[in-house]
Amino acid sequence: MKNTPHPFPPFQLELPQWVTEFLKSQPVAFPTPEARMTLVTTLSQHNIEEGTGGPFGAGVFRVDTHQLVAPGVNLVLSSQNSLAHAEIVAIIMAQQLLGSHDLGAAGLPSHELVTSCEPCAMCLGAICWSGVSHLVCGAQGNDAEAIGFDEGPKLKDWASALEQRGITVTKNIGRFQATQVLQKYVEQGGKVYNSRQGSKEPPR
């Protein structure tokens, strides 16, 4: 019996080439939370300028050495994938590089996720299962909502919920700069891509 071709496309998520080129000019380690936030905010800025996605950047770092393990930028529009938020991309890349679905697995160092904006409902769930031990955020969720993005149905005290799971949270690191990137995205005509939030159009 002849094998028929698989009818479904393979799942593939690739960082834009400019990310690799940009990181060549960056230091090996980022010793302060501010330095790590500057990196991911700069990634979000470049993502706008390069036209490869929305105004969000992230990175998974080793807690002990502060080295970048994997970057992430928002690729929703370029990948045609609503799951491709910067945090998700960074987590996937780090897990692939380390060969583990759990960034907190035995034998691995502790990892933190640094993101230019507080996680939406989807990314919050992903963080729970990622294995990171710490989360650092720049802009607040209401900063993203102020320009039209939908953060989804998050717990009001989501940071405490993460800390109950052993994931510590630091907020408002570099918030001003991160919020500026969000505002610039809208000023330049960037697409705000919330499915059907607020729409009366029935689901298909």
Protein backbone atom coordinates (compact mmCIF):
# COMPACT_ATOMS: atom_id res chain seq x y z
CA MET A 1 0.00 0.00 0.00
CA LYS A 2 1.36 3.35 -1.06
CA ASN A 3 2.01 5.95 1.64
CA THR A 4 0.05 9.12 0.97
CA PRO A 5 1.66 12.48 1.74
CA HIS A 6 0.78 13.92 5.13
CA PRO A 7 -2.09 16.35 4.51
CA PHE A 8 -0.99 18.84 7.16
CA PRO A 9 1.96 21.27 7.02
CA PRO A 10 4.78 20.86 9.56
CA PHE A 11 4.81 23.31 12.43
CA GLN A 12 7.74 25.68 12.08
CA LEU A 13 8.63 28.87 13.91
CA GLU A 14 11.77 30.77 12.97
CA LEU A 15 13.29 33.92 14.35
CA PRO A 16 13.95 36.61 11.72
CA GLN A 17 17.54 36.75 10.46
CA TRP A 18 18.01 40.26 11.81
CA VAL A 19 17.77 38.90 15.39
CA THR A 20 20.90 36.80 14.91
CA GLU A 21 22.77 39.71 13.32
CA PHE A 22 21.71 42.11 16.08
CA LEU A 23 22.81 39.77 18.87
CA LYS A 24 26.33 39.52 17.41
CA SER A 25 26.93 43.07 18.63
CA GLN A 26 25.63 42.42 22.15
CA PRO A 27 27.62 41.43 25.26
CA VAL A 28 27.82 37.85 26.51
CA ALA A 29 26.06 38.62 29.80
CA PHE A 30 23.55 41.20 31.02
CA PRO A 31 24.31 41.65 34.72
CA THR A 32 21.36 43.82 35.81
CA PRO A 33 17.59 43.56 35.35
CA GLU A 34 17.74 46.92 33.58
CA ALA A 35 20.34 45.64 31.10
CA ARG A 36 18.28 42.55 30.35
CA MET A 37 15.15 44.66 29.91
CA THR A 38 16.99 47.07 27.61
CA LEU A 39 17.89 44.12 25.40
CA VAL A 40 14.35 42.79 25.06
CA THR A 41 12.88 46.28 24.63
CA THR A 42 15.41 46.95 21.87
CA LEU A 43 14.34 43.69 20.24
CA SER A 44 10.73 44.88 20.33
CA GLN A 45 11.77 48.17 18.73
CA HIS A 46 13.69 46.42 15.95
CA ASN A 47 10.76 44.09 15.38
CA ILE A 48 8.69 47.13 14.44
CA GLU A 49 11.40 48.68 12.29
CA GLU A 50 12.03 45.42 10.43
CA GLY A 51 8.32 44.82 9.89
CA THR A 52 8.49 41.31 11.34
CA GLY A 53 5.85 41.57 14.05
CA GLY A 54 4.26 43.41 16.93
CA PRO A 55 5.89 45.66 19.54
CA PHE A 56 6.92 42.97 22.01
CA GLY A 57 10.24 41.34 22.87
CA ALA A 58 11.37 38.74 25.39
CA GLY A 59 14.34 36.66 26.42
CA VAL A 60 15.16 33.63 28.56
CA PHE A 61 18.30 34.18 30.66
CA ARG A 62 20.34 32.04 33.02
CA VAL A 63 19.85 33.27 36.59
CA ASP A 64 23.43 32.50 37.66
CA THR A 65 25.43 34.02 34.79
CA HIS A 66 22.79 36.39 33.32
CA GLN A 67 23.58 35.08 29.86
CA LEU A 68 20.91 35.13 27.18
CA VAL A 69 19.77 31.60 26.37
CA ALA A 70 17.17 32.50 23.74
CA PRO A 71 15.50 35.67 22.47
CA GLY A 72 11.92 36.06 21.37
CA VAL A 73 9.98 38.61 19.35
CA ASN A 74 6.32 38.75 18.45
CA LEU A 75 5.77 36.85 15.17
CA VAL A 76 1.96 36.68 15.08
CA LEU A 77 1.50 38.40 11.73
CA SER A 78 4.60 37.13 9.92
CA SER A 79 3.99 33.50 10.97
CA GLN A 80 0.17 33.69 10.69
CA ASN A 81 0.07 32.14 14.15
CA SER A 82 -1.86 33.72 17.02
CA LEU A 83 0.28 31.79 19.51
CA ALA A 84 3.56 33.39 18.40
CA HIS A 85 3.85 35.97 21.17
CA ALA A 86 7.37 37.04 22.17
CA GLU A 87 7.27 35.12 25.47
CA ILE A 88 6.10 31.92 23.77
CA VAL A 89 8.79 32.23 21.08
CA ALA A 90 11.55 32.77 23.68
CA ILE A 91 10.39 29.79 25.76
CA ILE A 92 10.16 27.50 22.72
CA MET A 93 13.62 28.52 21.49
CA ALA A 94 15.18 28.02 24.94
CA GLN A 95 13.58 24.60 25.39
CA GLN A 96 14.70 23.49 21.93
CA LEU A 97 18.26 24.71 22.54
CA LEU A 98 18.47 23.00 25.94
CA GLY A 99 16.69 19.84 24.83
CA SER A 100 14.09 19.95 27.57
CA HIS A 101 10.43 20.86 27.82
CA ASP A 102 11.17 21.98 31.39
CA LEU A 103 13.58 24.89 31.91
CA GLY A 104 13.67 23.98 35.60
CA ALA A 105 14.56 20.33 35.07
CA ALA A 106 17.17 18.59 37.21
CA GLY A 107 20.67 19.29 35.94
CA LEU A 108 19.74 22.63 34.38
CA PRO A 109 20.50 26.03 35.91
CA SER A 110 17.61 28.27 36.92
CA HIS A 111 16.18 30.49 34.21
CA GLU A 112 14.25 33.74 34.15
CA LEU A 113 11.99 35.17 31.49
CA VAL A 114 12.33 38.88 30.78
CA THR A 115 9.54 40.41 28.73
CA SER A 116 8.94 43.94 27.47
CA CYS A 117 5.31 43.78 28.61
CA GLU A 118 3.41 41.86 31.26
CA PRO A 119 2.14 38.52 29.91
CA CYS A 120 -1.32 38.17 28.42
CA ALA A 121 -3.63 35.37 29.55
CA MET A 122 -2.10 32.90 27.08
CA CYS A 123 1.52 33.68 27.93
CA LEU A 124 0.72 33.59 31.63
CA GLY A 125 -0.39 29.98 31.21
CA ALA A 126 2.71 29.13 29.20
CA ILE A 127 4.95 30.61 31.89
CA CYS A 128 3.36 28.31 34.48
CA TRP A 129 4.49 25.21 32.56
CA SER A 130 7.78 26.55 31.16
CA GLY A 131 10.02 25.82 34.15
CA VAL A 132 11.31 29.39 34.58
CA SER A 133 11.84 30.46 38.18
CA HIS A 134 11.56 34.22 37.73
CA LEU A 135 9.66 36.68 35.53
CA VAL A 136 10.67 40.29 34.86
CA CYS A 137 8.21 42.65 33.14
CA GLY A 138 8.54 46.11 31.57
CA ALA A 139 5.29 47.71 30.44
CA GLN A 140 2.09 46.84 32.28
CA GLY A 141 -0.83 45.01 30.76
CA ASN A 142 -2.93 48.16 30.81
CA ASP A 143 -0.22 49.91 28.74
CA ALA A 144 -0.81 47.33 25.99
CA GLU A 145 -4.57 47.63 26.40
CA ALA A 146 -4.30 51.42 26.10
CA ILE A 147 -3.17 51.05 22.48
CA GLY A 148 -5.82 48.44 21.71
CA PHE A 149 -4.30 45.03 22.46
CA ASP A 150 -6.39 42.45 24.33
CA GLU A 151 -4.69 40.92 27.36
CA GLY A 152 -7.40 38.31 27.85
CA PRO A 153 -9.10 37.08 31.04
CA LYS A 154 -6.21 37.16 33.51
CA LEU A 155 -6.47 36.74 37.25
CA LYS A 156 -6.49 40.13 38.92
CA ASP A 157 -3.58 39.15 41.17
CA TRP A 158 -1.77 37.03 38.59
CA ALA A 159 1.69 37.80 40.01
CA SER A 160 0.76 36.27 43.38
CA ALA A 161 -0.65 33.25 41.57
CA LEU A 162 2.72 32.73 39.86
CA GLU A 163 4.60 33.19 43.12
CA GLN A 164 2.44 30.50 44.72
CA ARG A 165 3.81 28.22 41.99
CA GLY A 166 7.41 29.17 42.84
CA ILE A 167 7.86 31.77 40.09
CA THR A 168 8.91 35.14 41.50
CA VAL A 169 7.84 38.30 39.66
CA THR A 170 9.43 41.73 39.23
CA LYS A 171 7.37 44.45 37.54
CA ASN A 172 7.95 47.88 35.98
CA ILE A 173 11.61 47.45 35.03
CA GLY A 174 12.15 49.92 32.17
CA ARG A 175 8.41 50.52 31.92
CA PHE A 176 8.75 53.98 30.37
CA GLN A 177 10.96 52.79 27.49
CA ALA A 178 8.83 49.70 26.88
CA THR A 179 5.65 51.78 26.80
CA GLN A 180 7.25 54.18 24.33
CA VAL A 181 7.75 51.27 21.91
CA LEU A 182 4.06 50.36 22.20
CA GLN A 183 3.01 53.92 21.48
CA LYS A 184 5.41 54.23 18.55
CA TYR A 185 3.95 51.08 17.02
CA VAL A 186 0.47 52.61 16.89
CA GLU A 187 1.74 56.02 15.75
CA GLN A 188 3.43 54.32 12.79
CA GLY A 189 0.24 52.54 11.80
CA GLY A 190 1.07 49.12 13.27
CA LYS A 191 -1.76 46.61 13.11
CA VAL A 192 -3.48 45.76 16.39
CA TYR A 193 -4.52 42.17 15.79
CA ASN A 194 -7.08 41.13 18.41
CA SER A 195 -9.18 38.43 16.76
CA ARG A 196 -12.79 39.54 17.35
CA GLN A 197 -12.62 41.30 20.69
CA GLY A 198 -15.63 43.57 20.98
CA SER A 199 -16.97 42.43 17.61
CA LYS A 200 -20.49 41.18 17.11
CA GLU A 201 -19.36 38.98 14.26
CA PRO A 202 -20.21 35.36 15.15
CA PRO A 203 -17.36 32.83 15.30
CA ARG A 204 -16.87 30.70 12.21
